[in-house]
N, C-alpha and C. Protein backbone atom coordinates (compact mmCIF):
# COMPACT_ATOMS: atom_id res chain seq x y z
N MET A 1 120.94 130.88 87.00
CA MET A 1 120.83 130.84 88.45
C MET A 1 119.42 131.23 88.90
N ILE A 2 118.91 132.35 88.41
CA ILE A 2 117.57 132.81 88.79
C ILE A 2 116.53 131.84 88.25
N LYS A 3 116.76 131.31 87.04
CA LYS A 3 115.83 130.34 86.47
C LYS A 3 115.74 129.10 87.36
N ASN A 4 116.90 128.61 87.83
CA ASN A 4 116.92 127.44 88.72
C ASN A 4 116.22 127.74 90.03
N LEU A 5 116.45 128.92 90.58
CA LEU A 5 115.81 129.30 91.84
C LEU A 5 114.29 129.37 91.67
N CYS A 6 113.84 129.95 90.56
CA CYS A 6 112.40 130.02 90.29
C CYS A 6 111.81 128.62 90.16
N LEU A 7 112.53 127.72 89.50
CA LEU A 7 112.06 126.34 89.35
C LEU A 7 111.94 125.67 90.71
N ILE A 8 112.93 125.85 91.57
CA ILE A 8 112.91 125.25 92.91
C ILE A 8 111.74 125.80 93.71
N ILE A 9 111.53 127.09 93.67
CA ILE A 9 110.41 127.70 94.41
C ILE A 9 109.09 127.18 93.85
N PHE A 10 108.97 127.12 92.54
CA PHE A 10 107.75 126.60 91.92
C PHE A 10 107.48 125.17 92.34
N MET A 11 108.51 124.33 92.33
CA MET A 11 108.36 122.92 92.72
C MET A 11 108.00 122.81 94.20
N PHE A 12 108.56 123.68 95.03
CA PHE A 12 108.24 123.65 96.45
C PHE A 12 106.76 123.98 96.66
N VAL A 13 106.26 124.98 95.95
CA VAL A 13 104.85 125.36 96.07
C VAL A 13 103.96 124.22 95.59
N ILE A 14 104.31 123.60 94.47
CA ILE A 14 103.52 122.47 93.98
C ILE A 14 103.54 121.33 94.98
N SER A 15 104.72 120.99 95.51
CA SER A 15 104.81 119.89 96.48
C SER A 15 104.03 120.21 97.74
N ALA A 16 104.07 121.45 98.18
CA ALA A 16 103.31 121.83 99.37
C ALA A 16 101.82 121.65 99.12
N ASN A 17 101.38 121.96 97.90
CA ASN A 17 99.97 121.77 97.57
C ASN A 17 99.60 120.29 97.55
N PHE A 18 100.48 119.44 97.01
CA PHE A 18 100.23 118.01 97.01
C PHE A 18 100.10 117.51 98.44
N ILE A 19 101.04 117.91 99.28
CA ILE A 19 101.08 117.42 100.66
C ILE A 19 99.93 117.99 101.48
N SER A 20 99.70 119.29 101.39
CA SER A 20 98.67 119.90 102.24
C SER A 20 97.29 119.37 101.91
N GLY A 21 97.05 119.01 100.68
CA GLY A 21 95.76 118.47 100.31
C GLY A 21 95.53 117.07 100.85
N GLN A 22 96.59 116.39 101.23
CA GLN A 22 96.47 115.01 101.68
C GLN A 22 96.75 114.86 103.17
N GLU A 23 97.20 115.89 103.79
CA GLU A 23 97.60 115.81 105.19
C GLU A 23 96.42 115.45 106.07
N THR A 24 96.65 114.56 107.04
CA THR A 24 95.59 114.22 107.97
C THR A 24 95.82 115.04 109.23
N LYS A 25 96.36 114.44 110.27
CA LYS A 25 96.62 115.20 111.50
C LYS A 25 98.00 115.85 111.41
N GLY A 26 98.43 116.51 112.50
CA GLY A 26 99.68 117.28 112.50
C GLY A 26 100.92 116.50 112.14
N ASN A 27 102.02 117.20 112.15
CA ASN A 27 103.31 116.61 111.82
C ASN A 27 103.79 115.64 112.89
N ILE A 28 104.68 114.76 112.47
CA ILE A 28 105.40 113.89 113.39
C ILE A 28 106.86 114.29 113.31
N VAL A 29 107.47 114.54 114.45
CA VAL A 29 108.88 114.90 114.52
C VAL A 29 109.58 113.80 115.29
N PHE A 30 110.63 113.22 114.70
CA PHE A 30 111.35 112.14 115.36
C PHE A 30 112.84 112.17 115.04
N THR A 31 113.62 111.52 115.90
CA THR A 31 115.01 111.24 115.57
C THR A 31 115.10 109.77 115.25
N GLY A 32 115.94 109.46 114.29
CA GLY A 32 116.10 108.07 113.89
C GLY A 32 117.44 107.81 113.26
N ILE A 33 117.74 106.54 113.13
CA ILE A 33 118.97 106.08 112.48
C ILE A 33 118.60 105.61 111.07
N VAL A 34 119.33 106.11 110.07
CA VAL A 34 119.07 105.72 108.69
C VAL A 34 119.47 104.25 108.51
N MET A 35 118.49 103.44 108.10
CA MET A 35 118.73 102.01 107.87
C MET A 35 118.95 101.70 106.39
N ALA A 36 118.25 102.42 105.51
CA ALA A 36 118.37 102.18 104.06
C ALA A 36 117.89 103.41 103.32
N ILE A 37 118.52 103.68 102.16
CA ILE A 37 118.14 104.81 101.30
C ILE A 37 117.99 104.26 99.89
N SER A 38 116.88 104.60 99.24
CA SER A 38 116.70 104.14 97.86
C SER A 38 117.70 104.83 96.95
N PRO A 39 118.03 104.19 95.84
CA PRO A 39 118.99 104.79 94.90
C PRO A 39 118.47 106.12 94.37
N SER A 40 119.40 106.98 94.02
CA SER A 40 119.05 108.27 93.45
C SER A 40 118.61 108.06 92.01
N GLU A 41 117.46 108.59 91.65
CA GLU A 41 116.93 108.48 90.29
C GLU A 41 117.24 109.78 89.56
N PRO A 42 117.42 109.71 88.25
CA PRO A 42 117.69 110.94 87.50
C PRO A 42 116.44 111.79 87.26
N ILE A 43 115.30 111.36 87.80
CA ILE A 43 114.04 112.06 87.55
C ILE A 43 113.74 113.02 88.70
N LEU A 44 113.55 114.28 88.39
CA LEU A 44 113.15 115.27 89.38
C LEU A 44 111.63 115.43 89.33
N SER A 45 111.07 115.97 90.40
CA SER A 45 109.64 116.22 90.42
C SER A 45 109.27 117.23 89.35
N GLY A 46 108.13 117.01 88.75
CA GLY A 46 107.61 117.91 87.71
C GLY A 46 106.11 117.83 87.78
N ASP A 47 105.50 117.39 86.67
CA ASP A 47 104.05 117.21 86.67
C ASP A 47 103.63 116.17 87.71
N ILE A 48 104.47 115.15 87.86
CA ILE A 48 104.24 114.11 88.87
C ILE A 48 105.40 114.16 89.85
N PRO A 49 105.10 114.19 91.14
CA PRO A 49 106.19 114.23 92.13
C PRO A 49 107.05 112.98 92.06
N SER A 50 108.32 113.14 92.33
CA SER A 50 109.27 112.04 92.39
C SER A 50 109.80 111.96 93.82
N TYR A 51 109.96 110.74 94.33
CA TYR A 51 110.38 110.55 95.71
C TYR A 51 111.57 109.60 95.81
N ARG A 52 112.28 109.72 96.92
CA ARG A 52 113.27 108.72 97.34
C ARG A 52 112.79 108.20 98.69
N LEU A 53 112.94 106.92 98.90
CA LEU A 53 112.54 106.31 100.16
C LEU A 53 113.71 106.20 101.11
N VAL A 54 113.44 106.44 102.39
CA VAL A 54 114.44 106.21 103.43
C VAL A 54 113.74 105.44 104.55
N LYS A 55 114.39 104.39 104.99
CA LYS A 55 113.88 103.60 106.12
C LYS A 55 114.69 103.97 107.35
N TYR A 56 113.99 104.28 108.43
CA TYR A 56 114.63 104.72 109.68
C TYR A 56 114.28 103.78 110.83
N LYS A 57 115.21 103.62 111.73
CA LYS A 57 114.93 103.04 113.04
C LYS A 57 114.57 104.23 113.92
N VAL A 58 113.34 104.27 114.44
CA VAL A 58 112.88 105.41 115.23
C VAL A 58 113.49 105.32 116.63
N GLU A 59 114.19 106.38 117.02
CA GLU A 59 114.78 106.43 118.36
C GLU A 59 113.89 107.16 119.35
N LYS A 60 113.36 108.33 118.93
CA LYS A 60 112.53 109.11 119.83
C LYS A 60 111.56 109.96 119.03
N VAL A 61 110.30 109.98 119.46
CA VAL A 61 109.29 110.83 118.83
C VAL A 61 109.11 112.05 119.72
N TYR A 62 109.31 113.23 119.14
CA TYR A 62 109.21 114.49 119.88
C TYR A 62 107.84 115.13 119.77
N SER A 63 107.19 114.91 118.63
CA SER A 63 105.90 115.55 118.40
C SER A 63 105.07 114.62 117.53
N GLY A 64 103.77 114.58 117.78
CA GLY A 64 102.91 113.69 117.04
C GLY A 64 102.92 112.31 117.66
N ARG A 65 102.32 111.38 116.95
CA ARG A 65 102.20 110.03 117.49
C ARG A 65 102.67 109.01 116.46
N TYR A 66 103.63 108.18 116.86
CA TYR A 66 104.12 107.09 116.04
C TYR A 66 104.68 106.05 116.99
N GLU A 67 104.19 104.82 116.90
CA GLU A 67 104.55 103.82 117.91
C GLU A 67 105.41 102.67 117.41
N LYS A 68 105.61 102.56 116.10
CA LYS A 68 106.43 101.46 115.58
C LYS A 68 107.91 101.78 115.74
N ARG A 69 108.74 100.75 115.63
CA ARG A 69 110.19 100.92 115.78
C ARG A 69 110.87 101.38 114.51
N GLU A 70 110.21 101.16 113.36
CA GLU A 70 110.77 101.57 112.08
C GLU A 70 109.73 102.37 111.32
N ILE A 71 110.21 103.23 110.42
CA ILE A 71 109.32 104.04 109.58
C ILE A 71 109.95 104.21 108.21
N VAL A 72 109.13 104.15 107.18
CA VAL A 72 109.58 104.42 105.81
C VAL A 72 109.03 105.79 105.44
N VAL A 73 109.92 106.67 104.99
CA VAL A 73 109.56 108.05 104.67
C VAL A 73 109.82 108.31 103.18
N ASP A 74 108.84 108.94 102.54
CA ASP A 74 108.98 109.38 101.15
C ASP A 74 109.54 110.80 101.16
N HIS A 75 110.72 110.99 100.57
CA HIS A 75 111.36 112.30 100.49
C HIS A 75 111.18 112.84 99.07
N LEU A 76 110.52 113.97 98.93
CA LEU A 76 110.29 114.59 97.63
C LEU A 76 111.62 115.00 97.01
N VAL A 77 111.77 114.71 95.72
CA VAL A 77 112.99 115.07 94.98
C VAL A 77 112.72 116.33 94.18
N LEU A 78 113.37 117.41 94.57
CA LEU A 78 113.25 118.68 93.84
C LEU A 78 114.51 118.98 93.04
N THR A 79 115.67 118.83 93.68
CA THR A 79 116.94 119.12 93.02
C THR A 79 117.77 117.86 92.81
N GLY A 80 117.42 116.78 93.49
CA GLY A 80 118.21 115.55 93.44
C GLY A 80 119.29 115.51 94.49
N GLU A 81 119.44 116.61 95.25
CA GLU A 81 120.50 116.68 96.25
C GLU A 81 119.96 116.78 97.68
N GLU A 82 118.67 116.53 97.87
CA GLU A 82 118.05 116.67 99.20
C GLU A 82 118.68 115.74 100.23
N LEU A 83 119.13 114.57 99.79
CA LEU A 83 119.70 113.59 100.72
C LEU A 83 121.20 113.37 100.51
N LYS A 84 121.85 114.30 99.84
CA LYS A 84 123.25 114.08 99.45
C LYS A 84 124.20 113.90 100.65
N ASN A 85 123.90 114.49 101.79
CA ASN A 85 124.79 114.36 102.95
C ASN A 85 124.31 113.31 103.95
N ILE A 86 123.29 112.56 103.61
CA ILE A 86 122.72 111.55 104.51
C ILE A 86 123.16 110.17 104.04
N LYS A 87 123.63 109.36 104.98
CA LYS A 87 124.04 108.00 104.63
C LYS A 87 123.56 107.01 105.69
N VAL A 88 123.58 105.74 105.33
CA VAL A 88 123.17 104.68 106.26
C VAL A 88 124.00 104.79 107.53
N GLY A 89 123.33 104.71 108.67
CA GLY A 89 123.99 104.81 109.97
C GLY A 89 123.91 106.19 110.60
N ASP A 90 123.56 107.21 109.81
CA ASP A 90 123.46 108.57 110.36
C ASP A 90 122.27 108.70 111.29
N LYS A 91 122.43 109.52 112.32
CA LYS A 91 121.32 109.87 113.20
C LYS A 91 120.79 111.21 112.72
N VAL A 92 119.48 111.28 112.45
CA VAL A 92 118.89 112.48 111.89
C VAL A 92 117.59 112.83 112.60
N LYS A 93 117.20 114.08 112.45
CA LYS A 93 115.90 114.56 112.92
C LYS A 93 115.04 114.76 111.68
N VAL A 94 113.83 114.19 111.70
CA VAL A 94 112.96 114.22 110.53
C VAL A 94 111.59 114.75 110.93
N VAL A 95 111.03 115.60 110.09
CA VAL A 95 109.66 116.07 110.25
C VAL A 95 108.87 115.52 109.07
N VAL A 96 107.77 114.81 109.37
CA VAL A 96 106.94 114.23 108.32
C VAL A 96 105.48 114.62 108.54
N CYS A 97 104.73 114.56 107.45
CA CYS A 97 103.28 114.64 107.57
C CYS A 97 102.73 113.28 107.16
N LYS A 98 101.63 112.93 107.75
CA LYS A 98 100.99 111.64 107.51
C LYS A 98 99.92 111.83 106.44
N SER A 99 99.91 110.94 105.46
CA SER A 99 98.97 111.06 104.35
C SER A 99 98.36 109.70 104.03
N LYS A 100 97.08 109.69 103.69
CA LYS A 100 96.43 108.44 103.30
C LYS A 100 96.74 108.03 101.87
N SER A 101 97.27 108.97 101.09
CA SER A 101 97.60 108.67 99.70
C SER A 101 98.85 109.44 99.29
N ILE A 102 99.39 109.03 98.15
CA ILE A 102 100.56 109.70 97.60
C ILE A 102 100.39 109.71 96.08
N ASP A 103 100.87 110.74 95.42
CA ASP A 103 100.66 110.87 93.98
C ASP A 103 101.47 109.88 93.15
N ALA A 104 102.64 109.50 93.63
CA ALA A 104 103.49 108.58 92.87
C ALA A 104 104.17 107.63 93.86
N ARG A 105 103.57 106.46 94.04
CA ARG A 105 104.13 105.48 94.99
C ARG A 105 105.42 104.90 94.43
N LEU A 106 106.42 104.81 95.31
CA LEU A 106 107.70 104.22 94.97
C LEU A 106 107.89 102.98 95.84
N ASP A 107 108.27 101.88 95.22
CA ASP A 107 108.57 100.65 95.94
C ASP A 107 110.01 100.27 95.63
N VAL A 108 110.78 99.98 96.67
CA VAL A 108 112.18 99.63 96.51
C VAL A 108 112.47 98.41 97.36
N GLU A 109 113.06 97.40 96.74
CA GLU A 109 113.37 96.16 97.46
C GLU A 109 114.17 96.46 98.73
N GLY A 110 113.74 95.87 99.82
CA GLY A 110 114.42 96.06 101.11
C GLY A 110 113.91 97.25 101.90
N ILE A 111 113.08 98.10 101.26
CA ILE A 111 112.53 99.25 101.96
C ILE A 111 111.00 99.16 101.99
N ARG A 112 110.39 99.05 100.83
CA ARG A 112 108.92 98.90 100.74
C ARG A 112 108.62 98.03 99.53
N SER A 113 107.84 96.97 99.74
CA SER A 113 107.53 96.05 98.65
C SER A 113 106.23 96.43 97.95
N LYS A 114 106.10 96.00 96.70
CA LYS A 114 104.91 96.28 95.92
C LYS A 114 103.66 95.68 96.55
N SER A 115 103.82 94.56 97.23
CA SER A 115 102.67 93.87 97.82
C SER A 115 102.25 94.45 99.17
N GLU A 116 103.07 95.34 99.71
CA GLU A 116 102.77 95.92 101.02
C GLU A 116 101.57 96.86 100.95
N ILE A 117 100.62 96.65 101.84
CA ILE A 117 99.46 97.52 101.92
C ILE A 117 99.80 98.68 102.85
N ILE A 118 99.65 99.89 102.36
CA ILE A 118 100.04 101.08 103.11
C ILE A 118 98.79 101.76 103.66
N LYS A 119 98.73 101.87 104.98
CA LYS A 119 97.62 102.58 105.62
C LYS A 119 97.89 104.09 105.55
N PHE A 120 99.13 104.48 105.85
CA PHE A 120 99.54 105.89 105.79
C PHE A 120 100.92 105.98 105.15
N TYR A 121 101.11 107.02 104.38
CA TYR A 121 102.43 107.39 103.85
C TYR A 121 102.96 108.48 104.77
N TYR A 122 104.27 108.49 104.97
CA TYR A 122 104.91 109.53 105.77
C TYR A 122 105.80 110.31 104.82
N ILE A 123 105.40 111.55 104.56
CA ILE A 123 106.07 112.39 103.56
C ILE A 123 106.94 113.41 104.27
N ALA A 124 108.23 113.40 103.95
CA ALA A 124 109.19 114.28 104.62
C ALA A 124 108.91 115.74 104.31
N LYS A 125 108.97 116.54 105.37
CA LYS A 125 108.91 117.99 105.23
C LYS A 125 110.30 118.58 105.44
N SER A 126 111.09 117.93 106.32
CA SER A 126 112.48 118.36 106.50
C SER A 126 113.28 117.24 107.12
N ILE A 127 114.59 117.32 106.93
CA ILE A 127 115.52 116.38 107.53
C ILE A 127 116.79 117.14 107.87
N SER A 128 117.36 116.83 109.03
CA SER A 128 118.62 117.47 109.41
C SER A 128 119.43 116.50 110.26
N GLU A 129 120.75 116.68 110.21
CA GLU A 129 121.61 115.85 111.03
C GLU A 129 121.34 116.16 112.49
N PHE A 130 121.36 115.14 113.32
CA PHE A 130 121.10 115.30 114.74
C PHE A 130 122.43 115.33 115.47
N SER A 131 122.61 116.34 116.31
CA SER A 131 123.88 116.42 117.04
C SER A 131 123.65 116.40 118.54
């Protein structure tokens, strides 16, 4: 139990370092409807971060600036259960940071294609159900 907790804390610190080093301007906070979620991979973040993609229909931006109707967010995988209660159709509140690069790009058919040129990556800092 303590070993797992230490691993989670260690991974959180590493992920924060990856994100903070790439962060441009402040966070974006929005509510959105989950349109698609990439499959769960058995790989957890370690030396190289592992992500799951979620595509959202943006309903309202509370903080920061984002003008498109849809957004693809990279969610860091630490335990594999970060998105376990989230499903397509859910309304959620998401906090992301904007980054010009990402350590391990993930492309998933129907969410983000390999040929897509990415100006900014949106990396999740938190997600919660919206009530």
